[in-house]
Amino acid sequence: MDLEDIRRLLEEVRAGRLGCEEAAERLRRLPYEVVGPGGMARVDHHRELRSGIPEVVLGEFKTAEQIAEILAALSSGGGGALATRVDADKARAVRAALPQASYHQVARLLVIEPAEARPRGRGVIAVVAAGTSDLPVAEEAALSAEFLGHEVARITDVGVAGLQRVLDASEELRACEVAIVVAGMEGALPSVVAGLIDRPIIAVPTSVGYGVGLGGFAAMLSMLSSCSPGVTVVNIDNGFGAAVAAARFNRRRDV
C-alpha cells in the first residue's frame, strides 16, 4: 500500500462507496501482516508508503512454499511482488502455486506485475554491464528497477578491455539520469563511466574473475578506491541494492 492507495481509500469512504468497517479492515493490515505456519513471516505492506520501495523477498534461503506464501501476501493489494535469488527448481514450484508470477532465469527473479504501473521516474536508468558474464547481476538490477517503475536502458559488454565500446555508448550514457555500472575482474569500468558523464554512478562489483579476484573483493576494493570522485559502491553481486539506490536518485518528487 502506497500513498495513492491511502488517498483512494479515503476518497471511497468520503463518497460512500466504501463502508467504515471495510476500510478499517484494509487498514488493519498496516503496518504488517503475519503469514504462514507459526507466523513464519511478517509481511510489511506499509514499507512502500514509508520509504517508496516495497518489501522484496530474498528467495535464496527460503523454501518454495515460503516464497509463494509471502509473494501471495505481498501482491494481494494489487502492488505486485518481487523475489530475488530464486533458482529454477524453486521457481517452478512457486509458479505452480502462483501462475501469475513470471520467472527470469538469467536474473533469478520471480515477478508478479502490479495491477497498475508505478509512477515513472524523472529519467532513464542505464544499466551498464562490463561483460557477458556480468549479465546475471546486471539483469537483476535492470528488472528490479523496471519493477519499481523506472525506464531502463541496457548497455552490455562494454568493458575496458575494449575501451572503444564504452566510448561508442557515451551519448546513450549522457542521456540517462543515473547509471548502474556492473563489473567484475578488476572493476575498472565505473571509473571510466564516471569520467564520461555528469550523472550519479552506482558501481556493482561482481564475483566474476580469477583466483586473486577473491570472489569480487578485488573489484569492490578497486571501485571503492576509484580515482573518479563520487562513485557509489554497493555490495558484491548486489544488483537489487543498486536498483533501489538508482530508484531513489531517479524518483520524481511531485507524485
C-alpha atoms as a PDB file:
ATOM      1  CA  MET A   1       0.000   0.000   0.000  1.00  0.00           C
ATOM      2  CA  ASP A   2       1.372   3.369  -1.028  1.00  0.00           C
ATOM      3  CA  LEU A   3       0.251   6.966  -0.502  1.00  0.00           C
ATOM      4  CA  GLU A   4      -2.002   6.884  -3.567  1.00  0.00           C
ATOM      5  CA  ASP A   5      -3.759   3.770  -2.226  1.00  0.00           C
ATOM      6  CA  ILE A   6      -4.458   5.591   1.045  1.00  0.00           C
ATOM      7  CA  ARG A   7      -5.864   8.575  -0.849  1.00  0.00           C
ATOM      8  CA  ARG A   8      -8.134   6.346  -2.961  1.00  0.00           C
ATOM      9  CA  LEU A   9      -9.348   4.535   0.151  1.00  0.00           C
ATOM     10  CA  LEU A  10     -10.260   7.779   1.878  1.00  0.00           C
ATOM     11  CA  GLU A  11     -11.986   9.086  -1.260  1.00  0.00           C
ATOM     12  CA  GLU A  12     -14.095   5.926  -1.449  1.00  0.00           C
ATOM     13  CA  VAL A  13     -15.153   6.361   2.180  1.00  0.00           C
ATOM     14  CA  ARG A  14     -15.988  10.028   1.624  1.00  0.00           C
ATOM     15  CA  ALA A  15     -18.012   9.203  -1.495  1.00  0.00           C
ATOM     16  CA  GLY A  16     -19.930   6.491   0.334  1.00  0.00           C
ATOM     17  CA  ARG A  17     -18.684   3.695  -1.926  1.00  0.00           C
ATOM     18  CA  LEU A  18     -16.851   2.011   0.939  1.00  0.00           C
ATOM     19  CA  GLY A  19     -18.050   1.446   4.468  1.00  0.00           C
ATOM     20  CA  CYS A  20     -16.018   2.362   7.503  1.00  0.00           C
ATOM     21  CA  GLU A  21     -15.751  -1.264   8.629  1.00  0.00           C
ATOM     22  CA  GLU A  22     -14.338  -2.443   5.310  1.00  0.00           C
ATOM     23  CA  ALA A  23     -11.930   0.495   5.225  1.00  0.00           C
ATOM     24  CA  ALA A  24     -10.832  -0.290   8.769  1.00  0.00           C
ATOM     25  CA  GLU A  25     -10.267  -3.916   7.761  1.00  0.00           C
ATOM     26  CA  ARG A  26      -7.997  -2.849   4.894  1.00  0.00           C
ATOM     27  CA  LEU A  27      -6.064  -0.516   7.149  1.00  0.00           C
ATOM     28  CA  ARG A  28      -5.793  -3.194   9.814  1.00  0.00           C
ATOM     29  CA  ARG A  29      -3.022  -4.860   7.811  1.00  0.00           C
ATOM     30  CA  LEU A  30      -0.842  -1.804   8.259  1.00  0.00           C
ATOM     31  CA  PRO A  31       1.983  -1.886   9.031  1.00  0.00           C
ATOM     32  CA  TYR A  32       2.324  -5.680   8.568  1.00  0.00           C
ATOM     33  CA  GLU A  33       0.510  -8.987   8.145  1.00  0.00           C
ATOM     34  CA  VAL A  34       1.529 -12.256   9.801  1.00  0.00           C
ATOM     35  CA  VAL A  35       1.551 -15.122   7.272  1.00  0.00           C
ATOM     36  CA  GLY A  36       2.483 -18.790   7.128  1.00  0.00           C
ATOM     37  CA  PRO A  37       2.622 -21.625   9.650  1.00  0.00           C
ATOM     38  CA  GLY A  38       3.658 -20.390  13.051  1.00  0.00           C
ATOM     39  CA  GLY A  39       3.773 -16.816  11.801  1.00  0.00           C
ATOM     40  CA  MET A  40       6.951 -17.511   9.810  1.00  0.00           C
ATOM     41  CA  ALA A  41       6.864 -14.071   8.149  1.00  0.00           C
ATOM     42  CA  ARG A  42       5.575 -10.600   8.924  1.00  0.00           C
ATOM     43  CA  VAL A  43       4.819  -9.045   5.553  1.00  0.00           C
ATOM     44  CA  ASP A  44       5.430  -5.298   5.554  1.00  0.00           C
ATOM     45  CA  HIS A  45       2.591  -3.801   3.482  1.00  0.00           C
ATOM     46  CA  HIS A  46       3.489  -0.350   4.812  1.00  0.00           C
ATOM     47  CA  ARG A  47       7.059  -0.208   3.548  1.00  0.00           C
ATOM     48  CA  GLU A  48       6.348   1.442   0.197  1.00  0.00           C
ATOM     49  CA  LEU A  49       4.272   4.092   1.955  1.00  0.00           C
ATOM     50  CA  ARG A  50       7.183   4.847   4.295  1.00  0.00           C
ATOM     51  CA  SER A  51      10.185   4.508   2.003  1.00  0.00           C
ATOM     52  CA  GLY A  52       8.882   4.462  -1.554  1.00  0.00           C
ATOM     53  CA  ILE A  53      10.226   0.919  -2.070  1.00  0.00           C
ATOM     54  CA  PRO A  54       8.014  -2.125  -1.389  1.00  0.00           C
ATOM     55  CA  GLU A  55       9.225  -5.117   0.571  1.00  0.00           C
ATOM     56  CA  VAL A  56      11.043  -7.605  -1.672  1.00  0.00           C
ATOM     57  CA  VAL A  57      11.648 -11.291  -0.922  1.00  0.00           C
ATOM     58  CA  LEU A  58      15.170 -12.720  -0.759  1.00  0.00           C
ATOM     59  CA  GLY A  59      14.452 -16.208  -2.066  1.00  0.00           C
ATOM     60  CA  GLU A  60      17.882 -17.824  -1.815  1.00  0.00           C
ATOM     61  CA  PHE A  61      17.486 -19.141   1.733  1.00  0.00           C
ATOM     62  CA  LYS A  62      13.702 -19.717   1.726  1.00  0.00           C
ATOM     63  CA  THR A  63      11.731 -22.751   0.607  1.00  0.00           C
ATOM     64  CA  ALA A  64       9.465 -22.543  -2.444  1.00  0.00           C
ATOM     65  CA  GLU A  65       6.451 -22.772  -0.143  1.00  0.00           C
ATOM     66  CA  GLN A  66       7.651 -19.843   1.954  1.00  0.00           C
ATOM     67  CA  ILE A  67       8.361 -17.747  -1.146  1.00  0.00           C
ATOM     68  CA  ALA A  68       4.901 -18.490  -2.575  1.00  0.00           C
ATOM     69  CA  GLU A  69       3.096 -17.557   0.649  1.00  0.00           C
ATOM     70  CA  ILE A  70       4.993 -14.289   1.061  1.00  0.00           C
ATOM     71  CA  LEU A  71       4.593 -13.308  -2.605  1.00  0.00           C
ATOM     72  CA  ALA A  72       0.857 -14.025  -2.425  1.00  0.00           C
ATOM     73  CA  ALA A  73       0.510 -11.798   0.628  1.00  0.00           C
ATOM     74  CA  LEU A  74       2.624  -9.001  -0.835  1.00  0.00           C
ATOM     75  CA  SER A  75       0.715  -8.980  -4.128  1.00  0.00           C
ATOM     76  CA  SER A  76      -2.768  -9.242  -2.595  1.00  0.00           C
ATOM     77  CA  GLY A  77      -3.304  -5.474  -2.635  1.00  0.00           C
ATOM     78  CA  GLY A  78      -2.511  -5.116  -6.346  1.00  0.00           C
ATOM     79  CA  GLY A  79       1.016  -3.743  -5.957  1.00  0.00           C
ATOM     80  CA  GLY A  80       2.721  -6.820  -7.371  1.00  0.00           C
ATOM     81  CA  ALA A  81       5.654  -8.588  -5.759  1.00  0.00           C
ATOM     82  CA  LEU A  82       9.280  -9.456  -6.433  1.00  0.00           C
ATOM     83  CA  ALA A  83      11.549 -12.251  -5.207  1.00  0.00           C
ATOM     84  CA  THR A  84      15.295 -12.271  -5.841  1.00  0.00           C
ATOM     85  CA  ARG A  85      17.840 -15.118  -5.969  1.00  0.00           C
ATOM     86  CA  VAL A  86      15.347 -17.857  -6.822  1.00  0.00           C
ATOM     87  CA  ASP A  87      16.756 -20.917  -8.587  1.00  0.00           C
ATOM     88  CA  ALA A  88      14.886 -22.645 -11.394  1.00  0.00           C
ATOM     89  CA  ASP A  89      13.620 -25.569  -9.277  1.00  0.00           C
ATOM     90  CA  LYS A  90      12.120 -23.274  -6.659  1.00  0.00           C
ATOM     91  CA  ALA A  91      10.679 -21.051  -9.374  1.00  0.00           C
ATOM     92  CA  ARG A  92       8.799 -23.984 -10.944  1.00  0.00           C
ATOM     93  CA  ALA A  93       7.254 -24.861  -7.593  1.00  0.00           C
ATOM     94  CA  VAL A  94       6.303 -21.248  -6.859  1.00  0.00           C
ATOM     95  CA  ARG A  95       4.742 -20.771 -10.310  1.00  0.00           C
ATOM     96  CA  ALA A  96       2.661 -23.929  -9.798  1.00  0.00           C
ATOM     97  CA  ALA A  97       1.068 -22.151  -6.831  1.00  0.00           C
ATOM     98  CA  LEU A  98       1.173 -18.644  -8.363  1.00  0.00           C
ATOM     99  CA  PRO A  99       0.810 -18.928 -12.151  1.00  0.00           C
ATOM    100  CA  GLN A 100       0.628 -15.119 -12.434  1.00  0.00           C
ATOM    101  CA  ALA A 101       4.301 -14.972 -11.456  1.00  0.00           C
ATOM    102  CA  SER A 102       6.877 -14.804 -14.250  1.00  0.00           C
ATOM    103  CA  TYR A 103      10.407 -16.148 -13.909  1.00  0.00           C
ATOM    104  CA  HIS A 104      13.530 -14.515 -15.338  1.00  0.00           C
ATOM    105  CA  GLN A 105      16.143 -17.258 -15.242  1.00  0.00           C
ATOM    106  CA  VAL A 106      19.267 -15.210 -16.005  1.00  0.00           C
ATOM    107  CA  ALA A 107      18.472 -12.743 -13.217  1.00  0.00           C
ATOM    108  CA  ARG A 108      16.936 -15.435 -10.952  1.00  0.00           C
ATOM    109  CA  LEU A 109      13.922 -13.190 -10.324  1.00  0.00           C
ATOM    110  CA  LEU A 110      10.253 -14.024  -9.795  1.00  0.00           C
ATOM    111  CA  VAL A 111       7.948 -11.113 -10.630  1.00  0.00           C
ATOM    112  CA  ILE A 112       4.238 -10.550 -10.115  1.00  0.00           C
ATOM    113  CA  GLU A 113       3.447  -7.385 -12.017  1.00  0.00           C
ATOM    114  CA  PRO A 114       1.418  -4.694 -10.233  1.00  0.00           C
ATOM    115  CA  ALA A 115      -2.179  -4.131 -11.299  1.00  0.00           C
ATOM    116  CA  GLU A 116      -1.283  -0.532 -12.145  1.00  0.00           C
ATOM    117  CA  ALA A 117       2.139   0.663 -13.237  1.00  0.00           C
ATOM    118  CA  ARG A 118       4.051   2.664 -10.671  1.00  0.00           C
ATOM    119  CA  PRO A 119       4.760   6.324 -11.478  1.00  0.00           C
ATOM    120  CA  ARG A 120       7.711   6.727 -13.825  1.00  0.00           C
ATOM    121  CA  GLY A 121      10.944   8.232 -12.571  1.00  0.00           C
ATOM    122  CA  ARG A 122      12.431  11.510 -13.758  1.00  0.00           C
ATOM    123  CA  GLY A 123      14.503   9.885 -16.475  1.00  0.00           C
ATOM    124  CA  VAL A 124      16.147   6.696 -17.676  1.00  0.00           C
ATOM    125  CA  ILE A 125      18.305   4.405 -15.536  1.00  0.00           C
ATOM    126  CA  ALA A 126      21.197   2.988 -17.561  1.00  0.00           C
ATOM    127  CA  VAL A 127      22.368  -0.478 -16.558  1.00  0.00           C
ATOM    128  CA  VAL A 128      25.867  -0.989 -17.934  1.00  0.00           C
ATOM    129  CA  ALA A 129      27.493  -4.436 -17.913  1.00  0.00           C
ATOM    130  CA  ALA A 130      31.223  -4.791 -18.462  1.00  0.00           C
ATOM    131  CA  GLY A 131      30.998  -8.330 -19.821  1.00  0.00           C
ATOM    132  CA  THR A 132      28.526 -11.047 -20.725  1.00  0.00           C
ATOM    133  CA  SER A 133      29.494 -12.890 -17.525  1.00  0.00           C
ATOM    134  CA  ASP A 134      28.179  -9.898 -15.542  1.00  0.00           C
ATOM    135  CA  LEU A 135      24.707 -10.176 -17.092  1.00  0.00           C
ATOM    136  CA  PRO A 136      23.024 -12.089 -14.209  1.00  0.00           C
ATOM    137  CA  VAL A 137      23.764  -9.222 -11.808  1.00  0.00           C
ATOM    138  CA  ALA A 138      23.038  -6.565 -14.427  1.00  0.00           C
ATOM    139  CA  GLU A 139      19.682  -8.143 -15.254  1.00  0.00           C
ATOM    140  CA  GLU A 140      18.817  -8.381 -11.562  1.00  0.00           C
ATOM    141  CA  ALA A 141      19.405  -4.625 -11.403  1.00  0.00           C
ATOM    142  CA  ALA A 142      17.536  -3.838 -14.625  1.00  0.00           C
ATOM    143  CA  LEU A 143      14.453  -5.943 -13.907  1.00  0.00           C
ATOM    144  CA  SER A 144      14.281  -4.728 -10.308  1.00  0.00           C
ATOM    145  CA  ALA A 145      14.402  -1.107 -11.466  1.00  0.00           C
ATOM    146  CA  GLU A 146      11.647  -1.806 -14.008  1.00  0.00           C
ATOM    147  CA  PHE A 147       9.510  -3.446 -11.325  1.00  0.00           C
ATOM    148  CA  LEU A 148       9.941  -0.275  -9.252  1.00  0.00           C
ATOM    149  CA  GLY A 149       8.527   1.764 -12.135  1.00  0.00           C
ATOM    150  CA  HIS A 150      11.612   3.074 -13.901  1.00  0.00           C
ATOM    151  CA  GLU A 151      12.594   3.070 -17.558  1.00  0.00           C
ATOM    152  CA  VAL A 152      15.832   1.172 -18.123  1.00  0.00           C
ATOM    153  CA  ALA A 153      18.402   1.294 -20.928  1.00  0.00           C
ATOM    154  CA  ARG A 154      20.635  -1.781 -21.089  1.00  0.00           C
ATOM    155  CA  ILE A 155      24.207  -1.318 -22.337  1.00  0.00           C
ATOM    156  CA  THR A 156      26.086  -4.613 -22.379  1.00  0.00           C
ATOM    157  CA  ASP A 157      29.593  -5.952 -22.978  1.00  0.00           C
ATOM    158  CA  VAL A 158      31.402  -2.597 -22.851  1.00  0.00           C
ATOM    159  CA  GLY A 159      34.296  -3.496 -20.552  1.00  0.00           C
ATOM    160  CA  VAL A 160      37.593  -1.639 -20.506  1.00  0.00           C
ATOM    161  CA  ALA A 161      39.481  -4.378 -22.385  1.00  0.00           C
ATOM    162  CA  GLY A 162      37.927  -2.785 -25.474  1.00  0.00           C
ATOM    163  CA  LEU A 163      37.632   0.837 -24.419  1.00  0.00           C
ATOM    164  CA  GLN A 164      36.144   1.965 -27.730  1.00  0.00           C
ATOM    165  CA  ARG A 165      32.937   0.076 -26.872  1.00  0.00           C
ATOM    166  CA  VAL A 166      32.051   2.235 -23.876  1.00  0.00           C
ATOM    167  CA  LEU A 167      33.172   5.371 -25.708  1.00  0.00           C
ATOM    168  CA  ASP A 168      30.766   4.492 -28.523  1.00  0.00           C
ATOM    169  CA  ALA A 169      27.963   4.310 -25.921  1.00  0.00           C
ATOM    170  CA  SER A 170      28.775   7.721 -24.399  1.00  0.00           C
ATOM    171  CA  GLU A 171      25.791   9.517 -25.966  1.00  0.00           C
ATOM    172  CA  GLU A 172      23.364   6.944 -24.593  1.00  0.00           C
ATOM    173  CA  LEU A 173      25.061   7.205 -21.214  1.00  0.00           C
ATOM    174  CA  ARG A 174      24.791  11.000 -21.191  1.00  0.00           C
ATOM    175  CA  ALA A 175      21.056  10.700 -21.841  1.00  0.00           C
ATOM    176  CA  CYS A 176      20.436   8.760 -18.611  1.00  0.00           C
ATOM    177  CA  GLU A 177      19.535  10.180 -15.215  1.00  0.00           C
ATOM    178  CA  VAL A 178      21.607   7.669 -13.234  1.00  0.00           C
ATOM    179  CA  ALA A 179      23.902   4.791 -14.254  1.00  0.00           C
ATOM    180  CA  ILE A 180      24.323   1.404 -12.615  1.00  0.00           C
ATOM    181  CA  VAL A 181      27.709   0.037 -13.726  1.00  0.00           C
ATOM    182  CA  VAL A 182      28.295  -3.686 -13.205  1.00  0.00           C
ATOM    183  CA  ALA A 183      31.798  -5.138 -13.489  1.00  0.00           C
ATOM    184  CA  GLY A 184      33.940  -7.992 -12.231  1.00  0.00           C
ATOM    185  CA  MET A 185      37.644  -8.737 -12.774  1.00  0.00           C
ATOM    186  CA  GLU A 186      39.478  -5.529 -11.737  1.00  0.00           C
ATOM    187  CA  GLY A 187      36.256  -3.491 -11.632  1.00  0.00           C
ATOM    188  CA  ALA A 188      37.585  -0.545 -13.644  1.00  0.00           C
ATOM    189  CA  LEU A 189      34.504   0.307 -15.714  1.00  0.00           C
ATOM    190  CA  PRO A 190      32.706   2.566 -13.169  1.00  0.00           C
ATOM    191  CA  SER A 191      35.717   4.893 -13.027  1.00  0.00           C
ATOM    192  CA  VAL A 192      35.682   5.200 -16.811  1.00  0.00           C
ATOM    193  CA  VAL A 193      31.931   5.890 -16.965  1.00  0.00           C
ATOM    194  CA  ALA A 194      32.225   8.439 -14.147  1.00  0.00           C
ATOM    195  CA  GLY A 195      34.785  10.286 -16.256  1.00  0.00           C
ATOM    196  CA  LEU A 196      32.383  10.448 -19.207  1.00  0.00           C
ATOM    197  CA  ILE A 197      29.088  11.638 -17.702  1.00  0.00           C
ATOM    198  CA  ASP A 198      27.822  14.003 -15.012  1.00  0.00           C
ATOM    199  CA  ARG A 199      25.203  11.630 -13.567  1.00  0.00           C
ATOM    200  CA  PRO A 200      25.232   9.592 -10.327  1.00  0.00           C
ATOM    201  CA  ILE A 201      27.196   6.356 -10.758  1.00  0.00           C
ATOM    202  CA  ILE A 202      26.290   3.264  -8.741  1.00  0.00           C
ATOM    203  CA  ALA A 203      29.017   0.649  -9.065  1.00  0.00           C
ATOM    204  CA  VAL A 204      28.279  -3.043  -8.583  1.00  0.00           C
ATOM    205  CA  PRO A 205      31.266  -5.366  -8.179  1.00  0.00           C
ATOM    206  CA  THR A 206      30.608  -8.927  -9.321  1.00  0.00           C
ATOM    207  CA  SER A 207      32.220 -12.176  -8.287  1.00  0.00           C
ATOM    208  CA  VAL A 208      33.367 -12.762 -11.896  1.00  0.00           C
ATOM    209  CA  GLY A 209      37.127 -13.259 -12.161  1.00  0.00           C
ATOM    210  CA  TYR A 210      40.087 -15.488 -11.428  1.00  0.00           C
ATOM    211  CA  GLY A 211      41.722 -16.514  -8.147  1.00  0.00           C
ATOM    212  CA  VAL A 212      43.237 -13.215  -6.992  1.00  0.00           C
ATOM    213  CA  GLY A 213      39.870 -11.544  -7.646  1.00  0.00           C
ATOM    214  CA  LEU A 214      38.724 -13.221  -4.404  1.00  0.00           C
ATOM    215  CA  GLY A 215      35.109 -13.592  -5.459  1.00  0.00           C
ATOM    216  CA  GLY A 216      34.619  -9.913  -6.223  1.00  0.00           C
ATOM    217  CA  PHE A 217      36.667  -8.346  -3.420  1.00  0.00           C
ATOM    218  CA  ALA A 218      39.301  -7.066  -5.843  1.00  0.00           C
ATOM    219  CA  ALA A 219      36.634  -5.370  -7.967  1.00  0.00           C
ATOM    220  CA  MET A 220      34.934  -3.926  -4.883  1.00  0.00           C
ATOM    221  CA  LEU A 221      38.192  -2.508  -3.499  1.00  0.00           C
ATOM    222  CA  SER A 222      39.038  -1.045  -6.908  1.00  0.00           C
ATOM    223  CA  MET A 223      35.649   0.670  -7.072  1.00  0.00           C
ATOM    224  CA  LEU A 224      35.943   1.965  -3.502  1.00  0.00           C
ATOM    225  CA  SER A 225      39.354   3.449  -4.337  1.00  0.00           C
ATOM    226  CA  SER A 226      38.207   4.895  -7.679  1.00  0.00           C
ATOM    227  CA  CYS A 227      40.146   7.923  -8.925  1.00  0.00           C
ATOM    228  CA  SER A 228      36.820   9.305 -10.236  1.00  0.00           C
ATOM    229  CA  PRO A 229      35.242  11.085  -7.252  1.00  0.00           C
ATOM    230  CA  GLY A 230      31.660  10.405  -6.214  1.00  0.00           C
ATOM    231  CA  VAL A 231      31.260   6.798  -7.347  1.00  0.00           C
ATOM    232  CA  THR A 232      28.835   4.978  -5.032  1.00  0.00           C
ATOM    233  CA  VAL A 233      29.557   1.279  -4.441  1.00  0.00           C
ATOM    234  CA  VAL A 234      27.143  -1.439  -3.319  1.00  0.00           C
ATOM    235  CA  ASN A 235      27.913  -4.956  -2.147  1.00  0.00           C
ATOM    236  CA  ILE A 236      29.283  -7.742  -4.332  1.00  0.00           C
ATOM    237  CA  ASP A 237      26.686  -9.093  -6.813  1.00  0.00           C
ATOM    238  CA  ASN A 238      24.013  -6.821  -5.297  1.00  0.00           C
ATOM    239  CA  GLY A 239      22.102  -5.822  -8.414  1.00  0.00           C
ATOM    240  CA  PHE A 240      18.892  -5.391  -6.455  1.00  0.00           C
ATOM    241  CA  GLY A 241      20.508  -2.995  -3.979  1.00  0.00           C
ATOM    242  CA  ALA A 242      21.868  -0.945  -6.874  1.00  0.00           C
ATOM    243  CA  ALA A 243      18.376  -0.769  -8.413  1.00  0.00           C
ATOM    244  CA  VAL A 244      16.915   0.549  -5.167  1.00  0.00           C
ATOM    245  CA  ALA A 245      19.647   3.180  -4.900  1.00  0.00           C
ATOM    246  CA  ALA A 246      19.062   4.224  -8.520  1.00  0.00           C
ATOM    247  CA  ALA A 247      15.305   4.390  -7.956  1.00  0.00           C
ATOM    248  CA  ARG A 248      15.848   6.775  -5.055  1.00  0.00           C
ATOM    249  CA  PHE A 249      18.055   9.019  -7.225  1.00  0.00           C
ATOM    250  CA  ASN A 250      15.548   8.894 -10.078  1.00  0.00           C
ATOM    251  CA  ARG A 251      12.353   9.371  -8.077  1.00  0.00           C
ATOM    252  CA  ARG A 252      10.097  12.240  -9.027  1.00  0.00           C
ATOM    253  CA  ARG A 253       9.149  14.431  -6.072  1.00  0.00           C
ATOM    254  CA  ASP A 254       5.819  15.625  -7.471  1.00  0.00           C
ATOM    255  CA  VAL A 255       3.965  12.321  -7.065  1.00  0.00           C
END
